[in-house]
Amino acid sequence: MFFKNSRYRKQPFAVTVDARGRRFKSVTLRPTPATAGTFFHTIEEGERLDHLAYRYYKAPRKWWRITDANPEFFSPLDLLGDGVLQCVRIPLTHNEEAGEPPWSVLAGKLSALVGVESYLFEENVLLSEDTRTVAGEAIPVASQSYERAVLIDYNSLTISATELTAAISSSGFGAGAPQHRGRIGRPIIIPPDSPA
């Protein structure tokens, strides 16, 4: 019933009864195994799980080993950045004369949106040095500016990047152009090959 490398090949069969009372021969879901002796692979453009499985195991049907080792992803498509869960980075602008940035307002707006899985605020202080002439003497003066952004993981079936930027704009920040951040350049775990 299963190919020779299937993780369900050695599972015992069970009898399942459906809603109409019919009985079927089935296999229970196999729990995800603990993965030891792992290493990381950095995702590149155009990679697929079956190609990675062939590269590391010489068996393209062992792609599920890689999926099992990365349980934070809901599906194999999410693992390579092609699923419904998307990550976007949106640059933020704020008028410093208007006071402190409204981080709590933005957090409330993003939390209220259906489809937003998580968000992370970034704020980097950029220092620059200027010289000002006072009474004929050049004095170095440090000035600071801010580079702000928000990273949002969202479900693309329920919300769009346009709706995210609208929520950001209504919170008191200015929203820049969304930059989609896929899995390219990020590491995933490749477990060692072992018998099924």
N, C-alpha and C. Protein backbone atom coordinates (compact mmCIF):
# COMPACT_ATOMS: atom_id res chain seq x y z
N MET A 1 0.81 -1.19 0.00
CA MET A 1 0.00 0.00 0.00
C MET A 1 0.87 1.27 0.00
N PHE A 2 2.01 1.24 0.71
CA PHE A 2 2.89 2.40 0.78
C PHE A 2 4.21 2.07 0.11
N PHE A 3 4.89 3.08 -0.44
CA PHE A 3 6.19 2.82 -1.05
C PHE A 3 7.21 2.51 0.04
N LYS A 4 8.35 1.97 -0.35
CA LYS A 4 9.28 1.39 0.62
C LYS A 4 9.90 2.40 1.59
N ASN A 5 9.93 3.68 1.25
CA ASN A 5 10.49 4.69 2.14
C ASN A 5 9.43 5.45 2.92
N SER A 6 8.18 5.03 2.84
CA SER A 6 7.10 5.76 3.50
C SER A 6 7.22 5.66 5.01
N ARG A 7 6.90 6.75 5.68
CA ARG A 7 6.92 6.73 7.14
C ARG A 7 5.74 5.94 7.71
N TYR A 8 4.76 5.60 6.87
CA TYR A 8 3.60 4.84 7.33
C TYR A 8 3.70 3.35 6.99
N ARG A 9 4.77 2.93 6.33
CA ARG A 9 4.87 1.55 5.86
C ARG A 9 4.84 0.56 7.02
N LYS A 10 5.48 0.87 8.14
CA LYS A 10 5.55 -0.06 9.26
C LYS A 10 4.49 0.20 10.32
N GLN A 11 3.59 1.12 10.07
CA GLN A 11 2.52 1.40 11.02
C GLN A 11 1.47 0.28 10.96
N PRO A 12 0.91 -0.10 12.11
CA PRO A 12 -0.13 -1.13 12.09
C PRO A 12 -1.44 -0.57 11.51
N PHE A 13 -2.21 -1.45 10.87
CA PHE A 13 -3.49 -1.05 10.32
C PHE A 13 -4.55 -1.01 11.41
N ALA A 14 -5.52 -0.14 11.23
CA ALA A 14 -6.64 -0.02 12.17
C ALA A 14 -7.92 0.02 11.36
N VAL A 15 -9.04 -0.27 12.02
CA VAL A 15 -10.35 -0.19 11.37
C VAL A 15 -10.99 1.12 11.80
N THR A 16 -11.42 1.89 10.81
CA THR A 16 -12.04 3.18 11.07
C THR A 16 -13.48 3.13 10.60
N VAL A 17 -14.39 3.73 11.38
CA VAL A 17 -15.80 3.79 11.03
C VAL A 17 -16.13 5.23 10.68
N ASP A 18 -16.73 5.44 9.49
CA ASP A 18 -17.07 6.80 9.09
C ASP A 18 -18.46 7.17 9.61
N ALA A 19 -18.96 8.36 9.24
CA ALA A 19 -20.24 8.87 9.73
C ALA A 19 -21.42 8.01 9.28
N ARG A 20 -21.30 7.31 8.17
CA ARG A 20 -22.38 6.46 7.67
C ARG A 20 -22.32 5.04 8.23
N GLY A 21 -21.34 4.76 9.06
CA GLY A 21 -21.22 3.44 9.65
C GLY A 21 -20.38 2.47 8.83
N ARG A 22 -19.79 2.93 7.74
CA ARG A 22 -18.95 2.05 6.92
C ARG A 22 -17.60 1.87 7.60
N ARG A 23 -17.01 0.69 7.42
CA ARG A 23 -15.71 0.37 8.02
C ARG A 23 -14.63 0.40 6.94
N PHE A 24 -13.51 1.02 7.30
CA PHE A 24 -12.39 1.13 6.37
C PHE A 24 -11.10 0.71 7.06
N LYS A 25 -10.21 0.12 6.27
CA LYS A 25 -8.87 -0.20 6.76
C LYS A 25 -8.04 1.08 6.61
N SER A 26 -7.39 1.50 7.69
CA SER A 26 -6.63 2.75 7.65
C SER A 26 -5.40 2.62 8.52
N VAL A 27 -4.59 3.65 8.47
CA VAL A 27 -3.38 3.74 9.28
C VAL A 27 -3.49 5.01 10.10
N THR A 28 -3.18 4.92 11.38
CA THR A 28 -3.22 6.11 12.22
C THR A 28 -2.04 7.01 11.89
N LEU A 29 -2.19 8.29 12.19
CA LEU A 29 -1.11 9.23 11.91
C LEU A 29 0.11 8.89 12.74
N ARG A 30 1.23 8.89 12.11
CA ARG A 30 2.48 8.58 12.80
C ARG A 30 2.97 9.84 13.48
N PRO A 31 3.34 9.79 14.76
CA PRO A 31 3.85 10.99 15.42
C PRO A 31 5.17 11.43 14.80
N THR A 32 5.42 12.72 14.86
CA THR A 32 6.66 13.26 14.32
C THR A 32 7.83 12.76 15.15
N PRO A 33 8.82 12.16 14.53
CA PRO A 33 9.95 11.63 15.30
C PRO A 33 10.87 12.73 15.80
N ALA A 34 11.55 12.45 16.89
CA ALA A 34 12.57 13.37 17.38
C ALA A 34 13.74 13.34 16.41
N THR A 35 14.25 14.51 16.08
CA THR A 35 15.32 14.61 15.08
C THR A 35 16.62 14.99 15.76
N ALA A 36 17.63 14.16 15.61
CA ALA A 36 18.94 14.44 16.20
C ALA A 36 19.99 14.45 15.09
N GLY A 37 21.11 15.11 15.35
CA GLY A 37 22.19 15.14 14.37
C GLY A 37 21.84 15.92 13.14
N THR A 38 21.23 17.08 13.31
CA THR A 38 20.75 17.86 12.18
C THR A 38 21.79 18.88 11.72
N PHE A 39 21.61 19.38 10.52
CA PHE A 39 22.38 20.52 10.05
C PHE A 39 21.44 21.41 9.25
N PHE A 40 21.90 22.59 8.90
CA PHE A 40 21.05 23.58 8.25
C PHE A 40 21.37 23.69 6.76
N HIS A 41 20.33 24.00 6.00
CA HIS A 41 20.46 24.29 4.58
C HIS A 41 19.81 25.65 4.34
N THR A 42 20.47 26.51 3.59
CA THR A 42 19.92 27.83 3.28
C THR A 42 19.14 27.73 1.98
N ILE A 43 17.87 28.15 2.04
CA ILE A 43 16.97 28.06 0.89
C ILE A 43 17.42 29.02 -0.21
N GLU A 44 17.44 28.52 -1.43
CA GLU A 44 17.77 29.34 -2.60
C GLU A 44 16.57 29.40 -3.53
N GLU A 45 16.60 30.34 -4.45
CA GLU A 45 15.50 30.55 -5.40
C GLU A 45 15.22 29.28 -6.20
N GLY A 46 13.95 28.88 -6.30
CA GLY A 46 13.53 27.77 -7.14
C GLY A 46 13.70 26.39 -6.54
N GLU A 47 14.10 26.28 -5.28
CA GLU A 47 14.29 24.96 -4.69
C GLU A 47 12.95 24.34 -4.32
N ARG A 48 12.91 23.01 -4.41
CA ARG A 48 11.73 22.25 -4.02
C ARG A 48 12.15 21.18 -3.03
N LEU A 49 11.19 20.71 -2.23
CA LEU A 49 11.52 19.72 -1.21
C LEU A 49 11.98 18.40 -1.82
N ASP A 50 11.37 17.99 -2.92
CA ASP A 50 11.81 16.72 -3.51
C ASP A 50 13.23 16.83 -4.07
N HIS A 51 13.60 18.02 -4.56
CA HIS A 51 14.97 18.22 -5.03
C HIS A 51 15.96 18.18 -3.87
N LEU A 52 15.57 18.80 -2.75
CA LEU A 52 16.44 18.76 -1.57
C LEU A 52 16.59 17.33 -1.05
N ALA A 53 15.49 16.58 -1.06
CA ALA A 53 15.55 15.19 -0.60
C ALA A 53 16.47 14.37 -1.50
N TYR A 54 16.40 14.61 -2.79
CA TYR A 54 17.30 13.89 -3.69
C TYR A 54 18.76 14.28 -3.45
N ARG A 55 18.99 15.57 -3.22
CA ARG A 55 20.35 16.04 -3.00
C ARG A 55 20.96 15.42 -1.73
N TYR A 56 20.17 15.35 -0.65
CA TYR A 56 20.73 14.89 0.61
C TYR A 56 20.53 13.39 0.88
N TYR A 57 19.47 12.79 0.31
CA TYR A 57 19.18 11.38 0.60
C TYR A 57 19.24 10.49 -0.63
N LYS A 58 19.38 11.08 -1.81
CA LYS A 58 19.31 10.35 -3.08
C LYS A 58 17.97 9.64 -3.26
N ALA A 59 16.93 10.20 -2.66
CA ALA A 59 15.58 9.65 -2.76
C ALA A 59 14.58 10.81 -2.67
N PRO A 60 13.99 11.25 -3.79
CA PRO A 60 13.10 12.41 -3.76
C PRO A 60 11.84 12.21 -2.92
N ARG A 61 11.44 10.96 -2.69
CA ARG A 61 10.22 10.72 -1.91
C ARG A 61 10.45 10.87 -0.40
N LYS A 62 11.64 11.15 0.01
CA LYS A 62 11.92 11.35 1.43
C LYS A 62 11.81 12.82 1.84
N TRP A 63 11.11 13.62 1.05
CA TRP A 63 10.95 15.04 1.35
C TRP A 63 10.27 15.25 2.69
N TRP A 64 9.44 14.30 3.11
CA TRP A 64 8.71 14.44 4.37
C TRP A 64 9.64 14.44 5.57
N ARG A 65 10.86 13.87 5.46
CA ARG A 65 11.82 13.93 6.56
C ARG A 65 12.19 15.39 6.85
N ILE A 66 12.36 16.16 5.79
CA ILE A 66 12.70 17.58 5.96
C ILE A 66 11.51 18.32 6.56
N THR A 67 10.30 17.99 6.13
CA THR A 67 9.10 18.63 6.67
C THR A 67 8.93 18.28 8.15
N ASP A 68 9.16 17.02 8.52
CA ASP A 68 9.05 16.61 9.92
C ASP A 68 10.05 17.35 10.81
N ALA A 69 11.22 17.63 10.28
CA ALA A 69 12.27 18.28 11.07
C ALA A 69 12.03 19.77 11.25
N ASN A 70 11.08 20.34 10.53
CA ASN A 70 10.76 21.76 10.62
C ASN A 70 9.29 21.93 10.99
N PRO A 71 8.90 21.58 12.23
CA PRO A 71 7.48 21.57 12.60
C PRO A 71 6.84 22.95 12.72
N GLU A 72 7.63 24.02 12.68
CA GLU A 72 7.04 25.36 12.79
C GLU A 72 6.31 25.79 11.53
N PHE A 73 6.41 24.99 10.46
CA PHE A 73 5.71 25.30 9.22
C PHE A 73 4.50 24.39 9.09
N PHE A 74 3.38 24.95 8.65
CA PHE A 74 2.14 24.20 8.57
C PHE A 74 2.09 23.23 7.40
N SER A 75 2.78 23.54 6.33
CA SER A 75 2.74 22.68 5.16
C SER A 75 4.09 22.72 4.45
N PRO A 76 4.34 21.75 3.58
CA PRO A 76 5.60 21.77 2.83
C PRO A 76 5.77 23.03 1.97
N LEU A 77 4.66 23.60 1.51
CA LEU A 77 4.76 24.83 0.72
C LEU A 77 5.24 26.00 1.57
N ASP A 78 4.78 26.05 2.84
CA ASP A 78 5.23 27.12 3.74
C ASP A 78 6.73 27.04 3.99
N LEU A 79 7.25 25.83 4.00
CA LEU A 79 8.66 25.63 4.27
C LEU A 79 9.53 26.34 3.25
N LEU A 80 9.09 26.39 2.01
CA LEU A 80 9.86 27.06 0.95
C LEU A 80 9.32 28.44 0.61
N GLY A 81 8.33 28.92 1.36
CA GLY A 81 7.82 30.27 1.15
C GLY A 81 6.74 30.39 0.10
N ASP A 82 6.15 29.26 -0.34
CA ASP A 82 5.11 29.30 -1.37
C ASP A 82 3.71 29.10 -0.81
N GLY A 83 3.57 29.00 0.48
CA GLY A 83 2.27 28.71 1.09
C GLY A 83 1.45 29.96 1.31
N VAL A 84 0.37 29.81 2.05
CA VAL A 84 -0.52 30.93 2.31
C VAL A 84 0.04 31.86 3.38
N LEU A 85 0.91 31.35 4.24
CA LEU A 85 1.53 32.22 5.24
C LEU A 85 2.65 33.01 4.59
N GLN A 86 2.55 34.31 4.65
CA GLN A 86 3.52 35.20 4.03
C GLN A 86 4.16 36.08 5.09
N CYS A 87 5.36 36.56 4.80
CA CYS A 87 6.05 37.49 5.68
C CYS A 87 6.34 38.76 4.88
N VAL A 88 6.02 39.90 5.46
CA VAL A 88 6.24 41.17 4.78
C VAL A 88 6.93 42.13 5.75
N ARG A 89 7.83 42.93 5.22
CA ARG A 89 8.49 43.98 6.01
C ARG A 89 8.00 45.31 5.47
N ILE A 90 7.43 46.12 6.35
CA ILE A 90 6.89 47.42 5.95
C ILE A 90 7.66 48.51 6.69
N PRO A 91 8.38 49.37 5.95
CA PRO A 91 9.08 50.49 6.59
C PRO A 91 8.09 51.47 7.19
N LEU A 92 8.45 52.04 8.33
CA LEU A 92 7.58 52.98 9.03
C LEU A 92 8.23 54.36 9.09
N THR A 93 7.40 55.39 8.96
CA THR A 93 7.87 56.76 9.16
C THR A 93 7.01 57.39 10.25
N HIS A 94 7.62 58.32 10.98
CA HIS A 94 6.88 59.00 12.05
C HIS A 94 7.46 60.40 12.22
N ASN A 95 6.60 61.37 12.40
CA ASN A 95 7.01 62.74 12.64
C ASN A 95 7.49 62.86 14.08
N GLU A 96 8.78 63.08 14.28
CA GLU A 96 9.35 63.13 15.63
C GLU A 96 8.80 64.29 16.45
N GLU A 97 8.37 65.36 15.78
CA GLU A 97 7.82 66.51 16.50
C GLU A 97 6.45 66.22 17.09
N ALA A 98 5.80 65.16 16.60
CA ALA A 98 4.46 64.80 17.10
C ALA A 98 4.53 64.01 18.40
N GLY A 99 5.73 63.69 18.87
CA GLY A 99 5.87 62.95 20.12
C GLY A 99 6.40 61.56 19.88
N GLU A 100 6.24 60.73 20.89
CA GLU A 100 6.72 59.35 20.82
C GLU A 100 5.94 58.56 19.76
N PRO A 101 6.59 57.59 19.13
CA PRO A 101 5.88 56.75 18.15
C PRO A 101 4.76 55.96 18.84
N PRO A 102 3.61 55.84 18.21
CA PRO A 102 2.47 55.13 18.82
C PRO A 102 2.57 53.61 18.66
N TRP A 103 3.58 52.99 19.29
CA TRP A 103 3.78 51.55 19.15
C TRP A 103 2.59 50.76 19.68
N SER A 104 2.04 51.18 20.81
CA SER A 104 0.92 50.42 21.40
C SER A 104 -0.33 50.50 20.52
N VAL A 105 -0.54 51.64 19.88
CA VAL A 105 -1.69 51.77 18.98
C VAL A 105 -1.51 50.83 17.78
N LEU A 106 -0.30 50.80 17.23
CA LEU A 106 -0.02 49.92 16.10
C LEU A 106 -0.16 48.45 16.50
N ALA A 107 0.32 48.11 17.70
CA ALA A 107 0.19 46.73 18.18
C ALA A 107 -1.28 46.35 18.32
N GLY A 108 -2.10 47.26 18.82
CA GLY A 108 -3.53 46.99 18.95
C GLY A 108 -4.21 46.81 17.60
N LYS A 109 -3.85 47.66 16.63
CA LYS A 109 -4.45 47.55 15.29
C LYS A 109 -4.08 46.23 14.62
N LEU A 110 -2.79 45.83 14.72
CA LEU A 110 -2.36 44.59 14.09
C LEU A 110 -2.95 43.36 14.79
N SER A 111 -3.06 43.42 16.11
CA SER A 111 -3.64 42.30 16.86
C SER A 111 -5.11 42.11 16.53
N ALA A 112 -5.80 43.18 16.18
CA ALA A 112 -7.23 43.10 15.88
C ALA A 112 -7.52 42.57 14.48
N LEU A 113 -6.52 42.53 13.61
CA LEU A 113 -6.73 42.08 12.24
C LEU A 113 -6.77 40.55 12.17
N VAL A 114 -7.81 40.02 11.56
CA VAL A 114 -7.92 38.58 11.35
C VAL A 114 -6.93 38.18 10.26
N GLY A 115 -6.10 37.21 10.53
CA GLY A 115 -5.13 36.74 9.56
C GLY A 115 -3.70 37.11 9.90
N VAL A 116 -3.51 38.04 10.84
CA VAL A 116 -2.16 38.39 11.26
C VAL A 116 -1.72 37.36 12.29
N GLU A 117 -0.67 36.61 11.96
CA GLU A 117 -0.18 35.55 12.85
C GLU A 117 0.76 36.12 13.91
N SER A 118 1.70 36.97 13.50
CA SER A 118 2.64 37.58 14.44
C SER A 118 3.22 38.83 13.81
N TYR A 119 3.80 39.67 14.65
CA TYR A 119 4.46 40.87 14.16
C TYR A 119 5.64 41.19 15.07
N LEU A 120 6.60 41.90 14.51
CA LEU A 120 7.81 42.26 15.24
C LEU A 120 8.20 43.67 14.81
N PHE A 121 8.42 44.54 15.79
CA PHE A 121 8.83 45.90 15.50
C PHE A 121 10.35 46.00 15.44
N GLU A 122 10.84 46.80 14.50
CA GLU A 122 12.27 47.09 14.39
C GLU A 122 12.46 48.59 14.55
N GLU A 123 13.45 48.98 15.34
CA GLU A 123 13.79 50.40 15.47
C GLU A 123 15.30 50.50 15.62
N ASN A 124 15.94 51.09 14.65
CA ASN A 124 17.39 51.29 14.68
C ASN A 124 17.68 52.78 14.76
N VAL A 125 18.58 53.14 15.65
CA VAL A 125 19.00 54.53 15.79
C VAL A 125 20.23 54.73 14.91
N LEU A 126 20.14 55.69 14.01
CA LEU A 126 21.24 56.01 13.11
C LEU A 126 21.88 57.31 13.57
N LEU A 127 23.15 57.26 13.92
CA LEU A 127 23.85 58.45 14.38
C LEU A 127 24.69 59.01 13.24
N SER A 128 24.69 60.32 13.15
CA SER A 128 25.53 60.99 12.14
C SER A 128 26.21 62.18 12.80
N GLU A 129 27.34 62.53 12.26
CA GLU A 129 28.10 63.63 12.85
C GLU A 129 28.11 64.81 11.88
N ASP A 130 27.82 65.96 12.42
CA ASP A 130 27.81 67.21 11.66
C ASP A 130 28.77 68.18 12.34
N THR A 131 29.14 69.20 11.63
CA THR A 131 29.93 70.26 12.26
C THR A 131 29.16 71.57 12.14
N ARG A 132 29.13 72.28 13.23
CA ARG A 132 28.49 73.60 13.25
C ARG A 132 29.53 74.63 13.68
N THR A 133 29.41 75.76 13.09
CA THR A 133 30.35 76.83 13.43
C THR A 133 29.69 77.76 14.44
N VAL A 134 30.31 77.84 15.60
CA VAL A 134 29.82 78.71 16.67
C VAL A 134 30.97 79.64 17.05
N ALA A 135 30.75 80.93 16.90
CA ALA A 135 31.76 81.95 17.22
C ALA A 135 33.07 81.69 16.49
N GLY A 136 32.95 81.26 15.23
CA GLY A 136 34.13 81.05 14.41
C GLY A 136 34.84 79.73 14.67
N GLU A 137 34.29 78.90 15.53
CA GLU A 137 34.93 77.62 15.84
C GLU A 137 34.04 76.47 15.38
N ALA A 138 34.62 75.47 14.69
CA ALA A 138 33.87 74.30 14.21
C ALA A 138 33.69 73.31 15.35
N ILE A 139 32.44 73.03 15.66
CA ILE A 139 32.12 72.11 16.76
C ILE A 139 31.40 70.90 16.18
N PRO A 140 31.90 69.67 16.50
CA PRO A 140 31.19 68.48 16.03
C PRO A 140 29.89 68.28 16.81
N VAL A 141 28.84 68.01 16.07
CA VAL A 141 27.52 67.80 16.68
C VAL A 141 26.97 66.47 16.17
N ALA A 142 26.51 65.66 17.10
CA ALA A 142 25.91 64.37 16.72
C ALA A 142 24.41 64.54 16.57
N SER A 143 23.88 63.96 15.53
CA SER A 143 22.42 63.97 15.35
C SER A 143 21.96 62.54 15.13
N GLN A 144 20.74 62.29 15.49
CA GLN A 144 20.23 60.93 15.34
C GLN A 144 18.95 60.92 14.52
N SER A 145 18.80 59.83 13.80
CA SER A 145 17.56 59.59 13.07
C SER A 145 17.17 58.14 13.31
N TYR A 146 15.96 57.81 12.96
CA TYR A 146 15.45 56.47 13.25
C TYR A 146 15.08 55.74 11.97
N GLU A 147 15.37 54.46 11.96
CA GLU A 147 14.94 53.59 10.88
C GLU A 147 14.00 52.57 11.52
N ARG A 148 12.73 52.67 11.17
CA ARG A 148 11.72 51.81 11.80
C ARG A 148 11.03 50.97 10.75
N ALA A 149 10.63 49.77 11.19
CA ALA A 149 9.89 48.87 10.30
C ALA A 149 9.11 47.89 11.17
N VAL A 150 8.16 47.22 10.54
CA VAL A 150 7.43 46.15 11.21
C VAL A 150 7.47 44.92 10.30
N LEU A 151 7.79 43.77 10.89
CA LEU A 151 7.76 42.49 10.18
C LEU A 151 6.45 41.80 10.56
N ILE A 152 5.67 41.43 9.56
CA ILE A 152 4.36 40.83 9.82
C ILE A 152 4.26 39.49 9.11
N ASP A 153 3.91 38.45 9.87
CA ASP A 153 3.56 37.15 9.30
C ASP A 153 2.05 37.11 9.23
N TYR A 154 1.50 36.86 8.04
CA TYR A 154 0.06 36.90 7.88
C TYR A 154 -0.42 35.81 6.93
N ASN A 155 -1.70 35.50 7.03
CA ASN A 155 -2.34 34.52 6.15
C ASN A 155 -2.87 35.26 4.94
N SER A 156 -2.32 34.97 3.77
CA SER A 156 -2.68 35.72 2.56
C SER A 156 -4.07 35.39 2.05
N LEU A 157 -4.72 34.36 2.60
CA LEU A 157 -6.10 34.06 2.21
C LEU A 157 -7.10 34.96 2.91
N THR A 158 -6.72 35.51 4.06
CA THR A 158 -7.67 36.31 4.83
C THR A 158 -7.36 37.80 4.85
N ILE A 159 -6.14 38.18 4.54
CA ILE A 159 -5.78 39.60 4.57
C ILE A 159 -4.70 39.86 3.52
N SER A 160 -4.66 41.09 3.03
CA SER A 160 -3.67 41.45 2.01
C SER A 160 -2.69 42.48 2.57
N ALA A 161 -1.60 42.66 1.86
CA ALA A 161 -0.59 43.65 2.27
C ALA A 161 -1.17 45.06 2.22
N THR A 162 -2.13 45.31 1.33
CA THR A 162 -2.78 46.62 1.25
C THR A 162 -3.55 46.92 2.53
N GLU A 163 -4.24 45.92 3.06
CA GLU A 163 -4.98 46.11 4.31
C GLU A 163 -4.04 46.32 5.49
N LEU A 164 -2.88 45.68 5.44
CA LEU A 164 -1.89 45.88 6.50
C LEU A 164 -1.37 47.31 6.49
N THR A 165 -1.05 47.84 5.31
CA THR A 165 -0.55 49.21 5.23
C THR A 165 -1.63 50.21 5.63
N ALA A 166 -2.90 49.90 5.34
CA ALA A 166 -3.99 50.79 5.76
C ALA A 166 -4.10 50.82 7.28
N ALA A 167 -3.93 49.67 7.93
CA ALA A 167 -3.99 49.62 9.39
C ALA A 167 -2.82 50.38 10.01
N ILE A 168 -1.65 50.29 9.38
CA ILE A 168 -0.48 51.01 9.88
C ILE A 168 -0.70 52.52 9.74
N SER A 169 -1.23 52.95 8.61
CA SER A 169 -1.48 54.38 8.38
C SER A 169 -2.50 54.93 9.36
N SER A 170 -3.49 54.12 9.73
CA SER A 170 -4.52 54.60 10.66
C SER A 170 -4.03 54.63 12.11
N SER A 171 -2.84 54.07 12.37
CA SER A 171 -2.33 54.05 13.74
C SER A 171 -1.43 55.24 14.07
N GLY A 172 -1.13 56.07 13.08
CA GLY A 172 -0.29 57.23 13.34
C GLY A 172 1.10 57.14 12.72
N PHE A 173 1.41 56.04 12.09
CA PHE A 173 2.67 55.88 11.37
C PHE A 173 2.42 56.08 9.89
N GLY A 174 3.47 56.41 9.17
CA GLY A 174 3.42 56.38 7.72
C GLY A 174 3.95 55.03 7.27
N ALA A 175 3.29 54.42 6.31
CA ALA A 175 3.69 53.09 5.84
C ALA A 175 4.39 53.20 4.49
N GLY A 176 5.56 52.58 4.40
CA GLY A 176 6.29 52.53 3.13
C GLY A 176 5.80 51.38 2.28
N ALA A 177 6.49 51.12 1.20
CA ALA A 177 6.12 50.02 0.30
C ALA A 177 6.45 48.69 0.96
N PRO A 178 5.49 47.75 0.98
CA PRO A 178 5.75 46.43 1.59
C PRO A 178 6.82 45.66 0.81
N GLN A 179 7.71 45.04 1.54
CA GLN A 179 8.76 44.21 0.95
C GLN A 179 8.52 42.77 1.38
N HIS A 180 8.15 41.93 0.43
CA HIS A 180 7.86 40.53 0.77
C HIS A 180 9.16 39.81 1.07
N ARG A 181 9.16 39.10 2.18
CA ARG A 181 10.33 38.34 2.62
C ARG A 181 9.95 36.87 2.63
N GLY A 182 10.43 36.16 1.65
CA GLY A 182 10.16 34.73 1.60
C GLY A 182 11.16 33.95 2.43
N ARG A 183 11.23 32.67 2.17
CA ARG A 183 12.17 31.81 2.88
C ARG A 183 13.56 31.84 2.24
N ILE A 184 13.71 32.49 1.09
CA ILE A 184 15.00 32.51 0.40
C ILE A 184 16.03 33.20 1.29
N GLY A 185 17.15 32.51 1.48
CA GLY A 185 18.21 33.03 2.33
C GLY A 185 18.08 32.65 3.78
N ARG A 186 17.00 31.97 4.15
CA ARG A 186 16.82 31.55 5.53
C ARG A 186 17.13 30.06 5.67
N PRO A 187 17.60 29.65 6.84
CA PRO A 187 17.96 28.23 7.00
C PRO A 187 16.77 27.35 7.37
N ILE A 188 16.82 26.10 6.91
CA ILE A 188 15.90 25.07 7.37
C ILE A 188 16.74 23.89 7.84
N ILE A 189 16.14 23.04 8.65
CA ILE A 189 16.85 21.88 9.20
C ILE A 189 16.79 20.72 8.21
N ILE A 190 17.92 20.09 7.99
CA ILE A 190 17.99 18.85 7.20
C ILE A 190 18.40 17.74 8.16
N PRO A 191 17.49 16.80 8.46
CA PRO A 191 17.83 15.73 9.39
C PRO A 191 18.68 14.65 8.71
N PRO A 192 19.35 13.82 9.48
CA PRO A 192 20.12 12.73 8.87
C PRO A 192 19.19 11.69 8.27
N ASP A 193 19.70 10.95 7.31
CA ASP A 193 18.92 9.88 6.69
C ASP A 193 18.90 8.69 7.64
N SER A 194 17.72 8.12 7.80
CA SER A 194 17.58 6.93 8.63
C SER A 194 16.49 6.07 8.03
N PRO A 195 16.47 4.79 8.34
CA PRO A 195 15.43 3.93 7.76
C PRO A 195 14.05 4.35 8.23
N ALA A 196 13.04 4.15 7.39
CA ALA A 196 11.68 4.58 7.69
C ALA A 196 11.09 3.81 8.84
